[in-house]
Amino acid sequence: MKLLAASLFATTSLAVGHHSAPAPTRMQVVAQEYSFTLSRLTVHAGPALIELDNMGQDPHDLRVQRAGSRHVAGLGVIKPGSRATLSLKLPPGRYSFWCSVADHRALGMQATVTVTR
């Protein structure tokens, strides 16, 4: 009986003491001439995987910038029919997403995402 109790205690201690990293938030951004369609406009803070799918006929890229920050993250130019994934750690805030190719941003390839706690 003592062996069973000790075994249960050890198992419980291991389960309680084990912390896994949070799963990354996943978001898809579909690029077409001249728009972005996002799978979600609000995500939780933490690790994020942002997939850019170029469903258009022109090359597109993705730039991401938190409001008030100078840092711009992004993916290089993606050929039509291709996709790429950007891995980021997102603190809470408002983020601008845009395509920096030629005048695509001015033509409507931009969006705003809110990251909450």
C-alpha atoms as a PDB file:
ATOM      1  CA  MET A   1       0.000   0.000   0.000  1.00  0.00           C
ATOM      2  CA  LYS A   2       2.850   2.420   0.832  1.00  0.00           C
ATOM      3  CA  LEU A   3       4.486   1.654  -2.515  1.00  0.00           C
ATOM      4  CA  LEU A   4       1.258   2.488  -4.382  1.00  0.00           C
ATOM      5  CA  ALA A   5       0.858   5.777  -2.483  1.00  0.00           C
ATOM      6  CA  ALA A   6       4.479   6.752  -3.182  1.00  0.00           C
ATOM      7  CA  SER A   7       4.043   5.889  -6.847  1.00  0.00           C
ATOM      8  CA  LEU A   8       0.881   8.027  -7.141  1.00  0.00           C
ATOM      9  CA  PHE A   9       2.626  10.940  -5.382  1.00  0.00           C
ATOM     10  CA  ALA A  10       5.586  10.766  -7.760  1.00  0.00           C
ATOM     11  CA  THR A  11       3.316  10.679 -10.798  1.00  0.00           C
ATOM     12  CA  THR A  12       1.259  13.623  -9.534  1.00  0.00           C
ATOM     13  CA  SER A  13       4.388  15.639  -8.748  1.00  0.00           C
ATOM     14  CA  LEU A  14       5.731  15.101 -12.244  1.00  0.00           C
ATOM     15  CA  ALA A  15       2.439  16.078 -13.862  1.00  0.00           C
ATOM     16  CA  VAL A  16       2.110  19.254 -11.797  1.00  0.00           C
ATOM     17  CA  GLY A  17       5.744  20.260 -12.236  1.00  0.00           C
ATOM     18  CA  HIS A  18       5.763  19.839 -16.022  1.00  0.00           C
ATOM     19  CA  HIS A  19       5.059  23.032 -17.997  1.00  0.00           C
ATOM     20  CA  SER A  20       4.948  22.966 -21.762  1.00  0.00           C
ATOM     21  CA  ALA A  21       5.441  26.005 -23.950  1.00  0.00           C
ATOM     22  CA  PRO A  22       2.199  27.490 -25.282  1.00  0.00           C
ATOM     23  CA  ALA A  23       1.244  26.352 -28.753  1.00  0.00           C
ATOM     24  CA  PRO A  24       1.768  29.128 -31.297  1.00  0.00           C
ATOM     25  CA  THR A  25      -1.212  31.017 -32.621  1.00  0.00           C
ATOM     26  CA  ARG A  26      -1.698  30.289 -36.312  1.00  0.00           C
ATOM     27  CA  MET A  27      -2.933  32.853 -38.788  1.00  0.00           C
ATOM     28  CA  GLN A  28      -3.289  32.745 -42.541  1.00  0.00           C
ATOM     29  CA  VAL A  29      -2.932  35.786 -44.797  1.00  0.00           C
ATOM     30  CA  VAL A  30      -4.149  35.286 -48.356  1.00  0.00           C
ATOM     31  CA  ALA A  31      -2.682  37.773 -50.840  1.00  0.00           C
ATOM     32  CA  GLN A  32      -4.425  38.640 -54.103  1.00  0.00           C
ATOM     33  CA  GLU A  33      -4.433  41.712 -56.307  1.00  0.00           C
ATOM     34  CA  TYR A  34      -4.782  44.004 -54.322  1.00  0.00           C
ATOM     35  CA  SER A  35      -6.028  42.757 -50.974  1.00  0.00           C
ATOM     36  CA  PHE A  36      -5.144  40.726 -47.918  1.00  0.00           C
ATOM     37  CA  THR A  37      -7.686  38.334 -46.416  1.00  0.00           C
ATOM     38  CA  LEU A  38      -6.801  37.322 -42.851  1.00  0.00           C
ATOM     39  CA  SER A  39      -8.088  34.216 -41.109  1.00  0.00           C
ATOM     40  CA  ARG A  40      -8.451  36.267 -37.897  1.00  0.00           C
ATOM     41  CA  LEU A  41      -8.146  39.904 -36.869  1.00  0.00           C
ATOM     42  CA  THR A  42      -7.544  39.275 -33.156  1.00  0.00           C
ATOM     43  CA  VAL A  43      -5.013  36.862 -31.642  1.00  0.00           C
ATOM     44  CA  HIS A  44      -3.543  36.184 -28.194  1.00  0.00           C
ATOM     45  CA  ALA A  45      -0.081  37.419 -27.268  1.00  0.00           C
ATOM     46  CA  GLY A  46       2.783  34.945 -27.533  1.00  0.00           C
ATOM     47  CA  PRO A  47       4.321  32.846 -30.254  1.00  0.00           C
ATOM     48  CA  ALA A  48       2.652  33.104 -33.653  1.00  0.00           C
ATOM     49  CA  LEU A  49       2.995  31.438 -37.038  1.00  0.00           C
ATOM     50  CA  ILE A  50       1.730  33.675 -39.831  1.00  0.00           C
ATOM     51  CA  GLU A  51       1.381  31.954 -43.196  1.00  0.00           C
ATOM     52  CA  LEU A  52       1.323  34.089 -46.333  1.00  0.00           C
ATOM     53  CA  ASP A  53      -0.426  32.354 -49.235  1.00  0.00           C
ATOM     54  CA  ASN A  54       0.006  34.168 -52.537  1.00  0.00           C
ATOM     55  CA  MET A  55      -3.147  33.325 -54.475  1.00  0.00           C
ATOM     56  CA  GLY A  56      -2.640  36.231 -56.850  1.00  0.00           C
ATOM     57  CA  GLN A  57      -0.899  36.551 -60.191  1.00  0.00           C
ATOM     58  CA  ASP A  58       1.761  39.014 -59.012  1.00  0.00           C
ATOM     59  CA  PRO A  59       4.570  38.556 -56.465  1.00  0.00           C
ATOM     60  CA  HIS A  60       3.673  39.760 -52.942  1.00  0.00           C
ATOM     61  CA  ASP A  61       5.387  40.053 -49.580  1.00  0.00           C
ATOM     62  CA  LEU A  62       4.308  40.619 -45.977  1.00  0.00           C
ATOM     63  CA  ARG A  63       5.456  43.255 -43.518  1.00  0.00           C
ATOM     64  CA  VAL A  64       4.344  43.336 -39.870  1.00  0.00           C
ATOM     65  CA  GLN A  65       4.837  46.275 -37.495  1.00  0.00           C
ATOM     66  CA  ARG A  66       3.521  46.912 -33.986  1.00  0.00           C
ATOM     67  CA  ALA A  67       2.071  50.415 -33.488  1.00  0.00           C
ATOM     68  CA  GLY A  68       4.698  52.673 -31.934  1.00  0.00           C
ATOM     69  CA  SER A  69       7.605  50.377 -32.834  1.00  0.00           C
ATOM     70  CA  ARG A  70      10.358  50.992 -35.361  1.00  0.00           C
ATOM     71  CA  HIS A  71      10.969  47.270 -35.912  1.00  0.00           C
ATOM     72  CA  VAL A  72       9.418  45.763 -39.028  1.00  0.00           C
ATOM     73  CA  ALA A  73       9.293  41.976 -39.409  1.00  0.00           C
ATOM     74  CA  GLY A  74       8.385  40.270 -42.610  1.00  0.00           C
ATOM     75  CA  LEU A  75       8.713  37.750 -45.351  1.00  0.00           C
ATOM     76  CA  GLY A  76      10.483  38.291 -48.644  1.00  0.00           C
ATOM     77  CA  VAL A  77       8.719  38.312 -51.962  1.00  0.00           C
ATOM     78  CA  ILE A  78       6.567  35.219 -52.532  1.00  0.00           C
ATOM     79  CA  LYS A  79       5.889  34.040 -56.080  1.00  0.00           C
ATOM     80  CA  PRO A  80       2.301  33.472 -57.264  1.00  0.00           C
ATOM     81  CA  GLY A  81       0.963  30.129 -56.046  1.00  0.00           C
ATOM     82  CA  SER A  82       3.576  29.913 -53.268  1.00  0.00           C
ATOM     83  CA  ARG A  83       3.443  30.246 -49.495  1.00  0.00           C
ATOM     84  CA  ALA A  84       5.822  31.025 -46.656  1.00  0.00           C
ATOM     85  CA  THR A  85       5.543  31.179 -42.872  1.00  0.00           C
ATOM     86  CA  LEU A  86       6.736  33.914 -40.538  1.00  0.00           C
ATOM     87  CA  SER A  87       7.437  32.940 -36.922  1.00  0.00           C
ATOM     88  CA  LEU A  88       7.088  35.779 -34.389  1.00  0.00           C
ATOM     89  CA  LYS A  89       6.552  36.416 -30.695  1.00  0.00           C
ATOM     90  CA  LEU A  90       3.772  39.001 -30.499  1.00  0.00           C
ATOM     91  CA  PRO A  91       3.345  41.203 -27.429  1.00  0.00           C
ATOM     92  CA  PRO A  92      -0.086  42.828 -26.928  1.00  0.00           C
ATOM     93  CA  GLY A  93      -0.843  45.769 -29.208  1.00  0.00           C
ATOM     94  CA  ARG A  94      -2.115  46.769 -32.644  1.00  0.00           C
ATOM     95  CA  TYR A  95      -0.182  45.595 -35.671  1.00  0.00           C
ATOM     96  CA  SER A  96      -0.136  46.776 -39.259  1.00  0.00           C
ATOM     97  CA  PHE A  97       0.208  44.113 -41.969  1.00  0.00           C
ATOM     98  CA  TRP A  98       1.007  45.222 -45.519  1.00  0.00           C
ATOM     99  CA  CYS A  99       2.565  44.289 -48.842  1.00  0.00           C
ATOM    100  CA  SER A 100       5.600  46.455 -49.609  1.00  0.00           C
ATOM    101  CA  VAL A 101       5.891  45.497 -53.287  1.00  0.00           C
ATOM    102  CA  ALA A 102       5.559  48.543 -55.583  1.00  0.00           C
ATOM    103  CA  ASP A 103       2.346  50.468 -54.723  1.00  0.00           C
ATOM    104  CA  HIS A 104       0.410  47.427 -53.431  1.00  0.00           C
ATOM    105  CA  ARG A 105      -0.120  48.942 -49.961  1.00  0.00           C
ATOM    106  CA  ALA A 106      -1.664  52.099 -51.455  1.00  0.00           C
ATOM    107  CA  LEU A 107      -3.897  49.873 -53.613  1.00  0.00           C
ATOM    108  CA  GLY A 108      -5.361  48.166 -50.515  1.00  0.00           C
ATOM    109  CA  MET A 109      -2.978  45.392 -49.483  1.00  0.00           C
ATOM    110  CA  GLN A 110      -3.020  46.225 -45.772  1.00  0.00           C
ATOM    111  CA  ALA A 111      -4.787  45.133 -42.617  1.00  0.00           C
ATOM    112  CA  THR A 112      -4.759  45.731 -38.857  1.00  0.00           C
ATOM    113  CA  VAL A 113      -4.487  42.934 -36.294  1.00  0.00           C
ATOM    114  CA  THR A 114      -5.068  43.281 -32.539  1.00  0.00           C
ATOM    115  CA  VAL A 115      -2.998  41.150 -30.159  1.00  0.00           C
ATOM    116  CA  THR A 116      -4.588  40.704 -26.719  1.00  0.00           C
ATOM    117  CA  ARG A 117      -3.204  39.332 -23.454  1.00  0.00           C
END
